[in-house]
Amino acid sequence: MPTTPLPAKTNSPATNGFQAHGVTELLRAWGSGDAGASEELVPLVYSELRRQARRALRREGEGHTLQATALVHEAWLRLDGQHDARWESRSQFLAVAAQMMRRVLVDHARTRRALKRGGGETQVTLGDAINAVAPSDSVDVLALDDALARLAIMDPRKARLVELRYFAGLSIPEAAAALGVSLATVGREWMVARMWLRRELEA
């Protein structure tokens, strides 16, 4: 897919229409290498990606240096690099965007740790997204990433659910749509996943 730079800011009314008809078709065309589709897609997805980025960054502790715009742009570049991706729907796109934002945040945390003498931790607040520990508690973002990697080996869908809720900030209904399962299923799996995370992160 050709690389299409995201705008720094857009006031187009289309930015509020991420759920509008035609997005799925544009995603599929983009995946096929249609440069025109990529250009049309940008104003439709940019605002939603910024909302996801802001939600993810709000859960980081004090002192983080990555801004929402930078997170969006880095995630977009990684999305654009998915040359073999078969975009099928808005929900699938959001799920992959969550994965890209997770990788950007983790890579950023690793870089910061490497630059800090003594390897200081990069803290994030789980807050309402995980609800596994008290909102005031923090964990190392790299420890969270490692825990999710272990969860993915045991139960990939639960790991994806946490990824969608934490890194993309999706609601329960949005996560259910992205995963293609019922609200009841997401509710049950969310409860189990956050209990497992609480045990892992407090160990």
N, C-alpha and C. Protein backbone atom coordinates (compact mmCIF):
# COMPACT_ATOMS: atom_id res chain seq x y z
N MET A 1 0.84 -1.19 0.00
CA MET A 1 0.00 0.00 0.00
C MET A 1 0.87 1.24 0.00
N PRO A 2 0.50 2.27 -0.74
CA PRO A 2 1.31 3.48 -0.75
C PRO A 2 1.15 4.22 0.56
N THR A 3 2.21 4.89 0.96
CA THR A 3 2.16 5.64 2.21
C THR A 3 1.44 6.95 2.02
N THR A 4 0.41 7.18 2.82
CA THR A 4 -0.34 8.42 2.77
C THR A 4 -0.18 9.13 4.10
N PRO A 5 0.46 10.30 4.16
CA PRO A 5 0.66 10.99 5.43
C PRO A 5 -0.66 11.46 6.00
N LEU A 6 -0.78 11.37 7.30
CA LEU A 6 -1.98 11.86 7.96
C LEU A 6 -1.89 13.36 8.16
N PRO A 7 -3.01 14.07 8.13
CA PRO A 7 -2.98 15.50 8.36
C PRO A 7 -2.73 15.81 9.82
N ALA A 8 -2.11 16.95 10.09
CA ALA A 8 -1.90 17.35 11.49
C ALA A 8 -3.23 17.68 12.14
N LYS A 9 -4.16 18.21 11.36
CA LYS A 9 -5.47 18.56 11.89
C LYS A 9 -6.42 18.64 10.72
N THR A 10 -7.65 18.21 10.94
CA THR A 10 -8.65 18.32 9.88
C THR A 10 -9.97 18.73 10.48
N ASN A 11 -10.65 19.63 9.80
CA ASN A 11 -11.95 20.10 10.25
C ASN A 11 -13.05 19.62 9.34
N SER A 12 -12.74 18.66 8.48
CA SER A 12 -13.74 18.15 7.56
C SER A 12 -14.86 17.47 8.32
N PRO A 13 -16.13 17.71 7.92
CA PRO A 13 -17.24 17.04 8.60
C PRO A 13 -17.16 15.54 8.48
N ALA A 14 -16.39 15.06 7.49
CA ALA A 14 -16.27 13.61 7.31
C ALA A 14 -15.52 12.96 8.45
N THR A 15 -14.76 13.74 9.22
CA THR A 15 -13.97 13.15 10.30
C THR A 15 -14.85 12.57 11.38
N ASN A 16 -16.11 13.00 11.47
CA ASN A 16 -17.02 12.46 12.46
C ASN A 16 -17.83 11.31 11.88
N GLY A 17 -17.53 10.87 10.67
CA GLY A 17 -18.33 9.85 10.03
C GLY A 17 -17.60 8.55 9.82
N PHE A 18 -16.85 8.11 10.84
CA PHE A 18 -16.06 6.90 10.70
C PHE A 18 -16.96 5.69 10.48
N GLN A 19 -18.20 5.76 10.94
CA GLN A 19 -19.11 4.65 10.77
C GLN A 19 -19.93 4.79 9.49
N ALA A 20 -19.65 5.79 8.71
CA ALA A 20 -20.44 6.03 7.50
C ALA A 20 -20.27 4.89 6.51
N HIS A 21 -21.30 4.73 5.67
CA HIS A 21 -21.24 3.71 4.63
C HIS A 21 -20.07 4.02 3.70
N GLY A 22 -19.41 3.00 3.25
CA GLY A 22 -18.32 3.19 2.32
C GLY A 22 -16.95 3.01 2.92
N VAL A 23 -16.84 3.09 4.26
CA VAL A 23 -15.54 2.93 4.90
C VAL A 23 -14.98 1.53 4.64
N THR A 24 -15.83 0.53 4.76
CA THR A 24 -15.37 -0.84 4.51
C THR A 24 -14.85 -1.00 3.10
N GLU A 25 -15.58 -0.42 2.14
CA GLU A 25 -15.15 -0.49 0.75
C GLU A 25 -13.81 0.21 0.55
N LEU A 26 -13.64 1.35 1.21
CA LEU A 26 -12.39 2.09 1.10
C LEU A 26 -11.24 1.29 1.72
N LEU A 27 -11.51 0.64 2.85
CA LEU A 27 -10.48 -0.17 3.49
C LEU A 27 -10.03 -1.30 2.57
N ARG A 28 -11.00 -1.94 1.93
CA ARG A 28 -10.65 -3.04 1.03
C ARG A 28 -9.86 -2.54 -0.17
N ALA A 29 -10.28 -1.38 -0.70
CA ALA A 29 -9.56 -0.82 -1.84
C ALA A 29 -8.14 -0.42 -1.43
N TRP A 30 -8.02 0.14 -0.21
CA TRP A 30 -6.70 0.54 0.31
C TRP A 30 -5.80 -0.68 0.40
N GLY A 31 -6.36 -1.78 0.90
CA GLY A 31 -5.58 -3.00 1.03
C GLY A 31 -5.13 -3.55 -0.31
N SER A 32 -5.85 -3.17 -1.38
CA SER A 32 -5.50 -3.61 -2.72
C SER A 32 -4.51 -2.68 -3.40
N GLY A 33 -4.11 -1.61 -2.67
CA GLY A 33 -3.12 -0.70 -3.21
C GLY A 33 -3.69 0.51 -3.92
N ASP A 34 -4.96 0.80 -3.73
CA ASP A 34 -5.60 1.94 -4.37
C ASP A 34 -5.21 3.23 -3.63
N ALA A 35 -4.35 4.04 -4.23
CA ALA A 35 -3.88 5.27 -3.60
C ALA A 35 -5.03 6.25 -3.38
N GLY A 36 -5.98 6.29 -4.31
CA GLY A 36 -7.12 7.19 -4.16
C GLY A 36 -7.96 6.83 -2.96
N ALA A 37 -8.14 5.53 -2.73
CA ALA A 37 -8.92 5.07 -1.57
C ALA A 37 -8.22 5.47 -0.28
N SER A 38 -6.90 5.38 -0.27
CA SER A 38 -6.13 5.77 0.91
C SER A 38 -6.36 7.23 1.24
N GLU A 39 -6.34 8.08 0.23
CA GLU A 39 -6.53 9.51 0.44
C GLU A 39 -7.93 9.82 0.94
N GLU A 40 -8.93 9.08 0.45
CA GLU A 40 -10.30 9.29 0.90
C GLU A 40 -10.50 8.78 2.32
N LEU A 41 -9.75 7.75 2.68
CA LEU A 41 -9.90 7.13 4.00
C LEU A 41 -9.36 8.00 5.12
N VAL A 42 -8.28 8.72 4.84
CA VAL A 42 -7.60 9.50 5.88
C VAL A 42 -8.55 10.38 6.69
N PRO A 43 -9.35 11.26 6.07
CA PRO A 43 -10.20 12.13 6.88
C PRO A 43 -11.29 11.38 7.64
N LEU A 44 -11.62 10.17 7.18
CA LEU A 44 -12.65 9.39 7.85
C LEU A 44 -12.14 8.71 9.11
N VAL A 45 -10.87 8.31 9.12
CA VAL A 45 -10.34 7.55 10.24
C VAL A 45 -9.51 8.39 11.21
N TYR A 46 -9.07 9.56 10.79
CA TYR A 46 -8.12 10.33 11.59
C TYR A 46 -8.67 10.70 12.97
N SER A 47 -9.88 11.22 13.01
CA SER A 47 -10.45 11.64 14.30
C SER A 47 -10.61 10.46 15.25
N GLU A 48 -11.04 9.31 14.71
CA GLU A 48 -11.20 8.14 15.56
C GLU A 48 -9.86 7.65 16.10
N LEU A 49 -8.84 7.67 15.26
CA LEU A 49 -7.51 7.27 15.72
C LEU A 49 -6.98 8.21 16.79
N ARG A 50 -7.25 9.50 16.64
CA ARG A 50 -6.82 10.46 17.67
C ARG A 50 -7.56 10.20 18.98
N ARG A 51 -8.83 9.86 18.91
CA ARG A 51 -9.57 9.55 20.15
C ARG A 51 -8.97 8.33 20.82
N GLN A 52 -8.65 7.31 20.02
CA GLN A 52 -8.02 6.12 20.59
C GLN A 52 -6.67 6.46 21.23
N ALA A 53 -5.90 7.28 20.54
CA ALA A 53 -4.57 7.65 21.05
C ALA A 53 -4.69 8.43 22.36
N ARG A 54 -5.62 9.38 22.42
CA ARG A 54 -5.79 10.15 23.65
C ARG A 54 -6.20 9.27 24.81
N ARG A 55 -7.10 8.31 24.55
CA ARG A 55 -7.53 7.42 25.62
C ARG A 55 -6.36 6.57 26.12
N ALA A 56 -5.56 6.07 25.18
CA ALA A 56 -4.41 5.24 25.57
C ALA A 56 -3.40 6.05 26.37
N LEU A 57 -3.13 7.27 25.94
CA LEU A 57 -2.11 8.10 26.61
C LEU A 57 -2.59 8.61 27.96
N ARG A 58 -3.90 8.78 28.13
CA ARG A 58 -4.41 9.24 29.43
C ARG A 58 -4.10 8.21 30.51
N ARG A 59 -3.91 6.97 30.13
CA ARG A 59 -3.66 5.91 31.11
C ARG A 59 -2.19 5.74 31.41
N GLU A 60 -1.34 6.54 30.78
CA GLU A 60 0.07 6.50 31.11
C GLU A 60 0.32 7.39 32.33
N GLY A 61 1.34 7.07 33.07
CA GLY A 61 1.67 7.86 34.24
C GLY A 61 2.29 9.19 33.86
N GLU A 62 2.56 9.99 34.85
CA GLU A 62 3.18 11.29 34.60
C GLU A 62 4.58 11.11 34.00
N GLY A 63 4.95 12.04 33.16
CA GLY A 63 6.29 12.02 32.62
C GLY A 63 6.41 11.42 31.23
N HIS A 64 5.32 10.87 30.70
CA HIS A 64 5.43 10.33 29.34
C HIS A 64 5.58 11.48 28.36
N THR A 65 6.30 11.24 27.28
CA THR A 65 6.60 12.31 26.33
C THR A 65 5.91 12.14 24.98
N LEU A 66 5.29 11.00 24.76
CA LEU A 66 4.63 10.76 23.48
C LEU A 66 3.30 11.49 23.45
N GLN A 67 3.05 12.24 22.39
CA GLN A 67 1.80 12.97 22.23
C GLN A 67 0.85 12.19 21.34
N ALA A 68 -0.45 12.52 21.44
CA ALA A 68 -1.46 11.80 20.68
C ALA A 68 -1.20 11.84 19.18
N THR A 69 -0.83 13.02 18.68
CA THR A 69 -0.58 13.15 17.24
C THR A 69 0.57 12.25 16.80
N ALA A 70 1.63 12.21 17.59
CA ALA A 70 2.78 11.36 17.25
C ALA A 70 2.39 9.89 17.31
N LEU A 71 1.59 9.51 18.30
CA LEU A 71 1.15 8.13 18.40
C LEU A 71 0.31 7.73 17.19
N VAL A 72 -0.59 8.62 16.77
CA VAL A 72 -1.42 8.35 15.60
C VAL A 72 -0.56 8.18 14.35
N HIS A 73 0.39 9.09 14.16
CA HIS A 73 1.22 9.03 12.96
C HIS A 73 2.09 7.78 12.92
N GLU A 74 2.65 7.41 14.07
CA GLU A 74 3.48 6.21 14.09
C GLU A 74 2.63 4.96 13.86
N ALA A 75 1.43 4.94 14.48
CA ALA A 75 0.54 3.80 14.28
C ALA A 75 0.09 3.72 12.83
N TRP A 76 -0.18 4.88 12.21
CA TRP A 76 -0.62 4.90 10.81
C TRP A 76 0.47 4.35 9.89
N LEU A 77 1.71 4.72 10.14
CA LEU A 77 2.80 4.22 9.32
C LEU A 77 2.89 2.70 9.41
N ARG A 78 2.64 2.17 10.60
CA ARG A 78 2.69 0.72 10.76
C ARG A 78 1.48 0.06 10.09
N LEU A 79 0.33 0.72 10.17
CA LEU A 79 -0.85 0.21 9.47
C LEU A 79 -0.60 0.20 7.97
N ASP A 80 0.00 1.27 7.49
CA ASP A 80 0.27 1.39 6.06
C ASP A 80 1.30 0.36 5.60
N GLY A 81 2.08 -0.13 6.54
CA GLY A 81 3.09 -1.13 6.21
C GLY A 81 2.55 -2.55 6.19
N GLN A 82 1.26 -2.71 6.51
CA GLN A 82 0.66 -4.05 6.49
C GLN A 82 0.30 -4.42 5.05
N HIS A 83 1.32 -4.70 4.25
CA HIS A 83 1.11 -4.91 2.82
C HIS A 83 0.25 -6.13 2.50
N ASP A 84 0.23 -7.10 3.40
CA ASP A 84 -0.55 -8.31 3.14
C ASP A 84 -1.92 -8.27 3.84
N ALA A 85 -2.24 -7.13 4.44
CA ALA A 85 -3.50 -7.03 5.19
C ALA A 85 -4.70 -7.13 4.25
N ARG A 86 -5.72 -7.82 4.71
CA ARG A 86 -6.99 -7.89 3.99
C ARG A 86 -8.03 -7.20 4.84
N TRP A 87 -8.19 -5.91 4.60
CA TRP A 87 -9.13 -5.13 5.39
C TRP A 87 -10.56 -5.53 5.03
N GLU A 88 -11.32 -5.93 6.06
CA GLU A 88 -12.67 -6.41 5.83
C GLU A 88 -13.75 -5.53 6.43
N SER A 89 -13.41 -4.78 7.47
CA SER A 89 -14.45 -4.00 8.15
C SER A 89 -13.83 -2.93 9.04
N ARG A 90 -14.68 -2.01 9.47
CA ARG A 90 -14.28 -0.98 10.42
C ARG A 90 -13.77 -1.62 11.72
N SER A 91 -14.49 -2.64 12.22
CA SER A 91 -14.11 -3.28 13.47
C SER A 91 -12.74 -3.92 13.38
N GLN A 92 -12.48 -4.59 12.25
CA GLN A 92 -11.16 -5.20 12.07
C GLN A 92 -10.08 -4.14 12.03
N PHE A 93 -10.36 -3.03 11.36
CA PHE A 93 -9.38 -1.94 11.29
C PHE A 93 -9.06 -1.42 12.69
N LEU A 94 -10.10 -1.22 13.51
CA LEU A 94 -9.88 -0.73 14.88
C LEU A 94 -9.05 -1.71 15.68
N ALA A 95 -9.29 -3.01 15.48
CA ALA A 95 -8.54 -4.02 16.21
C ALA A 95 -7.06 -3.98 15.83
N VAL A 96 -6.77 -3.86 14.54
CA VAL A 96 -5.38 -3.79 14.10
C VAL A 96 -4.75 -2.48 14.55
N ALA A 97 -5.51 -1.39 14.52
CA ALA A 97 -5.00 -0.10 14.99
C ALA A 97 -4.60 -0.20 16.46
N ALA A 98 -5.39 -0.94 17.25
CA ALA A 98 -5.06 -1.13 18.67
C ALA A 98 -3.73 -1.86 18.81
N GLN A 99 -3.51 -2.87 17.98
CA GLN A 99 -2.25 -3.60 18.02
C GLN A 99 -1.08 -2.68 17.69
N MET A 100 -1.26 -1.84 16.68
CA MET A 100 -0.18 -0.93 16.29
C MET A 100 0.12 0.07 17.40
N MET A 101 -0.93 0.60 18.05
CA MET A 101 -0.71 1.56 19.13
C MET A 101 -0.01 0.89 20.31
N ARG A 102 -0.37 -0.35 20.58
CA ARG A 102 0.31 -1.08 21.65
C ARG A 102 1.79 -1.20 21.34
N ARG A 103 2.13 -1.56 20.11
CA ARG A 103 3.53 -1.73 19.74
C ARG A 103 4.29 -0.41 19.82
N VAL A 104 3.65 0.68 19.39
CA VAL A 104 4.30 1.99 19.46
C VAL A 104 4.58 2.36 20.91
N LEU A 105 3.59 2.19 21.78
CA LEU A 105 3.75 2.55 23.19
C LEU A 105 4.81 1.69 23.86
N VAL A 106 4.83 0.40 23.54
CA VAL A 106 5.82 -0.49 24.14
C VAL A 106 7.22 -0.15 23.64
N ASP A 107 7.35 0.09 22.33
CA ASP A 107 8.66 0.46 21.78
C ASP A 107 9.15 1.77 22.39
N HIS A 108 8.22 2.70 22.58
CA HIS A 108 8.58 3.99 23.17
C HIS A 108 9.06 3.78 24.61
N ALA A 109 8.36 2.91 25.34
CA ALA A 109 8.75 2.64 26.74
C ALA A 109 10.12 1.98 26.80
N ARG A 110 10.39 1.06 25.87
CA ARG A 110 11.70 0.39 25.85
C ARG A 110 12.82 1.39 25.56
N THR A 111 12.53 2.32 24.63
CA THR A 111 13.54 3.32 24.30
C THR A 111 13.83 4.21 25.50
N ARG A 112 12.78 4.64 26.18
CA ARG A 112 12.96 5.49 27.36
C ARG A 112 13.72 4.76 28.45
N ARG A 113 13.41 3.48 28.63
CA ARG A 113 14.12 2.71 29.65
C ARG A 113 15.60 2.59 29.32
N ALA A 114 15.89 2.35 28.03
CA ALA A 114 17.28 2.21 27.62
C ALA A 114 18.07 3.49 27.83
N LEU A 115 17.38 4.63 27.71
CA LEU A 115 18.06 5.91 27.86
C LEU A 115 18.25 6.31 29.31
N LYS A 116 17.48 5.68 30.18
CA LYS A 116 17.58 6.01 31.61
C LYS A 116 18.66 5.15 32.26
N ARG A 117 19.59 5.79 32.89
CA ARG A 117 20.63 5.05 33.61
C ARG A 117 19.97 4.29 34.75
N GLY A 118 20.26 3.01 34.81
CA GLY A 118 19.66 2.20 35.87
C GLY A 118 18.37 1.54 35.43
N GLY A 119 17.89 1.85 34.19
CA GLY A 119 16.71 1.15 33.69
C GLY A 119 15.44 1.43 34.45
N GLY A 120 15.13 2.69 34.69
CA GLY A 120 13.91 3.02 35.40
C GLY A 120 12.67 2.56 34.67
N GLU A 121 11.61 2.29 35.42
CA GLU A 121 10.39 1.79 34.84
C GLU A 121 9.55 2.91 34.24
N THR A 122 8.81 2.58 33.19
CA THR A 122 7.82 3.49 32.63
C THR A 122 6.47 3.05 33.15
N GLN A 123 5.84 3.90 33.93
CA GLN A 123 4.60 3.52 34.60
C GLN A 123 3.38 3.93 33.79
N VAL A 124 2.33 3.08 33.87
CA VAL A 124 1.04 3.44 33.30
C VAL A 124 -0.02 3.16 34.36
N THR A 125 -1.08 3.94 34.34
CA THR A 125 -2.18 3.74 35.25
C THR A 125 -3.25 2.92 34.56
N LEU A 126 -3.64 1.82 35.17
CA LEU A 126 -4.65 0.98 34.53
C LEU A 126 -6.03 1.60 34.60
N GLY A 127 -6.36 2.17 35.75
CA GLY A 127 -7.61 2.91 35.88
C GLY A 127 -8.84 2.13 35.44
N ASP A 128 -9.77 2.84 34.81
CA ASP A 128 -11.05 2.24 34.43
C ASP A 128 -10.92 1.22 33.31
N ALA A 129 -9.86 1.30 32.52
CA ALA A 129 -9.74 0.40 31.37
C ALA A 129 -9.60 -1.05 31.82
N ILE A 130 -8.71 -1.31 32.77
CA ILE A 130 -8.50 -2.68 33.22
C ILE A 130 -9.36 -3.00 34.43
N ASN A 131 -9.48 -2.02 35.35
CA ASN A 131 -10.23 -2.23 36.58
C ASN A 131 -9.68 -3.41 37.37
N ALA A 132 -8.40 -3.72 37.14
CA ALA A 132 -7.80 -4.85 37.83
C ALA A 132 -7.20 -4.42 39.15
N VAL A 133 -6.72 -3.20 39.22
CA VAL A 133 -6.17 -2.67 40.45
C VAL A 133 -6.78 -1.32 40.68
N ALA A 134 -6.48 -0.72 41.81
CA ALA A 134 -7.06 0.58 42.12
C ALA A 134 -6.61 1.61 41.09
N PRO A 135 -7.48 2.61 40.77
CA PRO A 135 -7.13 3.62 39.77
C PRO A 135 -5.83 4.34 40.06
N SER A 136 -5.45 4.41 41.35
CA SER A 136 -4.23 5.14 41.69
C SER A 136 -2.98 4.29 41.50
N ASP A 137 -3.16 2.97 41.34
CA ASP A 137 -2.01 2.09 41.19
C ASP A 137 -1.45 2.17 39.77
N SER A 138 -0.16 1.89 39.66
CA SER A 138 0.49 1.90 38.35
C SER A 138 1.27 0.61 38.16
N VAL A 139 1.49 0.26 36.92
CA VAL A 139 2.34 -0.88 36.60
C VAL A 139 3.28 -0.47 35.49
N ASP A 140 4.33 -1.22 35.35
CA ASP A 140 5.27 -0.99 34.27
C ASP A 140 4.59 -1.39 32.96
N VAL A 141 4.60 -0.50 31.97
CA VAL A 141 3.94 -0.79 30.70
C VAL A 141 4.56 -2.00 30.03
N LEU A 142 5.86 -2.24 30.25
CA LEU A 142 6.49 -3.41 29.68
C LEU A 142 6.06 -4.67 30.41
N ALA A 143 5.78 -4.57 31.71
CA ALA A 143 5.27 -5.71 32.46
C ALA A 143 3.87 -6.05 31.96
N LEU A 144 3.08 -5.02 31.66
CA LEU A 144 1.74 -5.24 31.12
C LEU A 144 1.83 -5.93 29.76
N ASP A 145 2.76 -5.48 28.93
CA ASP A 145 2.92 -6.09 27.61
C ASP A 145 3.34 -7.55 27.74
N ASP A 146 4.25 -7.84 28.66
CA ASP A 146 4.69 -9.22 28.87
C ASP A 146 3.53 -10.09 29.36
N ALA A 147 2.71 -9.53 30.25
CA ALA A 147 1.56 -10.28 30.77
C ALA A 147 0.58 -10.59 29.65
N LEU A 148 0.35 -9.63 28.77
CA LEU A 148 -0.55 -9.85 27.65
C LEU A 148 -0.01 -10.90 26.69
N ALA A 149 1.31 -10.91 26.51
CA ALA A 149 1.92 -11.92 25.65
C ALA A 149 1.69 -13.32 26.22
N ARG A 150 1.79 -13.45 27.55
CA ARG A 150 1.54 -14.75 28.18
C ARG A 150 0.07 -15.13 28.06
N LEU A 151 -0.81 -14.14 28.24
CA LEU A 151 -2.24 -14.41 28.11
C LEU A 151 -2.59 -14.83 26.69
N ALA A 152 -1.93 -14.23 25.70
CA ALA A 152 -2.21 -14.56 24.31
C ALA A 152 -1.88 -16.01 23.99
N ILE A 153 -0.87 -16.58 24.67
CA ILE A 153 -0.52 -17.98 24.45
C ILE A 153 -1.64 -18.88 24.96
N MET A 154 -2.22 -18.50 26.10
CA MET A 154 -3.28 -19.31 26.70
C MET A 154 -4.64 -19.06 26.07
N ASP A 155 -4.92 -17.79 25.79
CA ASP A 155 -6.24 -17.42 25.28
C ASP A 155 -6.11 -16.16 24.42
N PRO A 156 -5.87 -16.32 23.12
CA PRO A 156 -5.65 -15.17 22.25
C PRO A 156 -6.78 -14.15 22.27
N ARG A 157 -8.03 -14.62 22.34
CA ARG A 157 -9.14 -13.67 22.29
C ARG A 157 -9.20 -12.78 23.53
N LYS A 158 -8.93 -13.34 24.68
CA LYS A 158 -8.93 -12.52 25.89
C LYS A 158 -7.81 -11.49 25.83
N ALA A 159 -6.66 -11.88 25.28
CA ALA A 159 -5.56 -10.92 25.14
C ALA A 159 -5.96 -9.80 24.18
N ARG A 160 -6.63 -10.16 23.08
CA ARG A 160 -7.09 -9.16 22.14
C ARG A 160 -8.09 -8.23 22.79
N LEU A 161 -8.95 -8.79 23.64
CA LEU A 161 -9.96 -7.98 24.32
C LEU A 161 -9.30 -6.94 25.21
N VAL A 162 -8.31 -7.35 25.98
CA VAL A 162 -7.60 -6.40 26.84
C VAL A 162 -6.90 -5.35 25.98
N GLU A 163 -6.31 -5.78 24.90
CA GLU A 163 -5.63 -4.86 23.99
C GLU A 163 -6.60 -3.81 23.46
N LEU A 164 -7.78 -4.24 23.05
CA LEU A 164 -8.78 -3.32 22.53
C LEU A 164 -9.26 -2.35 23.60
N ARG A 165 -9.46 -2.87 24.82
CA ARG A 165 -9.97 -2.03 25.89
C ARG A 165 -8.91 -1.07 26.41
N TYR A 166 -7.67 -1.56 26.55
CA TYR A 166 -6.64 -0.71 27.13
C TYR A 166 -5.97 0.18 26.09
N PHE A 167 -5.43 -0.41 25.05
CA PHE A 167 -4.62 0.36 24.11
C PHE A 167 -5.46 1.17 23.12
N ALA A 168 -6.67 0.71 22.80
CA ALA A 168 -7.53 1.49 21.91
C ALA A 168 -8.63 2.18 22.67
N GLY A 169 -8.86 1.80 23.92
CA GLY A 169 -9.89 2.45 24.72
C GLY A 169 -11.30 2.16 24.25
N LEU A 170 -11.51 1.01 23.59
CA LEU A 170 -12.85 0.69 23.09
C LEU A 170 -13.79 0.32 24.23
N SER A 171 -15.05 0.65 24.04
CA SER A 171 -16.08 0.26 25.00
C SER A 171 -16.36 -1.23 24.84
N ILE A 172 -17.14 -1.79 25.78
CA ILE A 172 -17.52 -3.20 25.69
C ILE A 172 -18.26 -3.49 24.38
N PRO A 173 -19.27 -2.68 23.99
CA PRO A 173 -19.95 -2.94 22.71
C PRO A 173 -19.01 -2.84 21.52
N GLU A 174 -18.10 -1.86 21.53
CA GLU A 174 -17.15 -1.72 20.42
C GLU A 174 -16.20 -2.91 20.35
N ALA A 175 -15.75 -3.37 21.51
CA ALA A 175 -14.85 -4.52 21.55
C ALA A 175 -15.57 -5.78 21.06
N ALA A 176 -16.85 -5.91 21.45
CA ALA A 176 -17.62 -7.07 21.00
C ALA A 176 -17.74 -7.07 19.47
N ALA A 177 -17.97 -5.89 18.90
CA ALA A 177 -18.08 -5.79 17.44
C ALA A 177 -16.76 -6.11 16.78
N ALA A 178 -15.66 -5.61 17.36
CA ALA A 178 -14.34 -5.84 16.78
C ALA A 178 -13.96 -7.32 16.81
N LEU A 179 -14.38 -8.02 17.87
CA LEU A 179 -14.04 -9.43 18.02
C LEU A 179 -15.06 -10.35 17.37
N GLY A 180 -16.23 -9.80 17.01
CA GLY A 180 -17.27 -10.60 16.38
C GLY A 180 -17.95 -11.56 17.33
N VAL A 181 -18.09 -11.15 18.60
CA VAL A 181 -18.76 -11.99 19.60
C VAL A 181 -19.84 -11.18 20.29
N SER A 182 -20.65 -11.86 21.10
CA SER A 182 -21.76 -11.20 21.77
C SER A 182 -21.30 -10.36 22.96
N LEU A 183 -22.17 -9.44 23.37
CA LEU A 183 -21.88 -8.63 24.55
C LEU A 183 -21.73 -9.51 25.79
N ALA A 184 -22.55 -10.54 25.89
CA ALA A 184 -22.47 -11.44 27.04
C ALA A 184 -21.12 -12.14 27.09
N THR A 185 -20.64 -12.58 25.92
CA THR A 185 -19.34 -13.25 25.86
C THR A 185 -18.22 -12.31 26.27
N VAL A 186 -18.26 -11.08 25.74
CA VAL A 186 -17.24 -10.10 26.10
C VAL A 186 -17.28 -9.80 27.59
N GLY A 187 -18.48 -9.68 28.15
CA GLY A 187 -18.61 -9.41 29.58
C GLY A 187 -17.96 -10.49 30.42
N ARG A 188 -18.22 -11.75 30.07
CA ARG A 188 -17.63 -12.86 30.83
C ARG A 188 -16.11 -12.89 30.67
N GLU A 189 -15.66 -12.74 29.43
CA GLU A 189 -14.22 -12.84 29.19
C GLU A 189 -13.46 -11.66 29.76
N TRP A 190 -14.10 -10.49 29.79
CA TRP A 190 -13.47 -9.31 30.37
C TRP A 190 -13.25 -9.51 31.86
N MET A 191 -14.25 -10.09 32.54
CA MET A 191 -14.13 -10.34 33.97
C MET A 191 -12.98 -11.31 34.25
N VAL A 192 -12.89 -12.38 33.49
CA VAL A 192 -11.83 -13.36 33.68
C VAL A 192 -10.46 -12.76 33.37
N ALA A 193 -10.39 -12.01 32.26
CA ALA A 193 -9.11 -11.45 31.83
C ALA A 193 -8.57 -10.46 32.85
N ARG A 194 -9.42 -9.60 33.39
CA ARG A 194 -8.89 -8.61 34.33
C ARG A 194 -8.51 -9.24 35.66
N MET A 195 -9.22 -10.33 36.06
CA MET A 195 -8.83 -11.05 37.27
C MET A 195 -7.46 -11.69 37.07
N TRP A 196 -7.23 -12.27 35.89
CA TRP A 196 -5.94 -12.89 35.59
C TRP A 196 -4.84 -11.85 35.58
N LEU A 197 -5.11 -10.70 34.97
CA LEU A 197 -4.11 -9.63 34.92
C LEU A 197 -3.78 -9.11 36.32
N ARG A 198 -4.80 -8.98 37.14
CA ARG A 198 -4.55 -8.50 38.50
C ARG A 198 -3.60 -9.42 39.23
N ARG A 199 -3.82 -10.72 39.10
CA ARG A 199 -2.93 -11.70 39.76
C ARG A 199 -1.53 -11.62 39.19
N GLU A 200 -1.39 -11.51 37.87
CA GLU A 200 -0.08 -11.46 37.24
C GLU A 200 0.69 -10.19 37.60
N LEU A 201 0.00 -9.07 37.62
CA LEU A 201 0.67 -7.79 37.83
C LEU A 201 0.97 -7.52 39.29
N GLU A 202 0.28 -8.21 40.18
CA GLU A 202 0.55 -8.03 41.60
C GLU A 202 1.49 -9.08 42.14
N ALA A 203 1.88 -10.03 41.29
CA ALA A 203 2.78 -11.11 41.74
C ALA A 203 4.15 -10.56 42.07
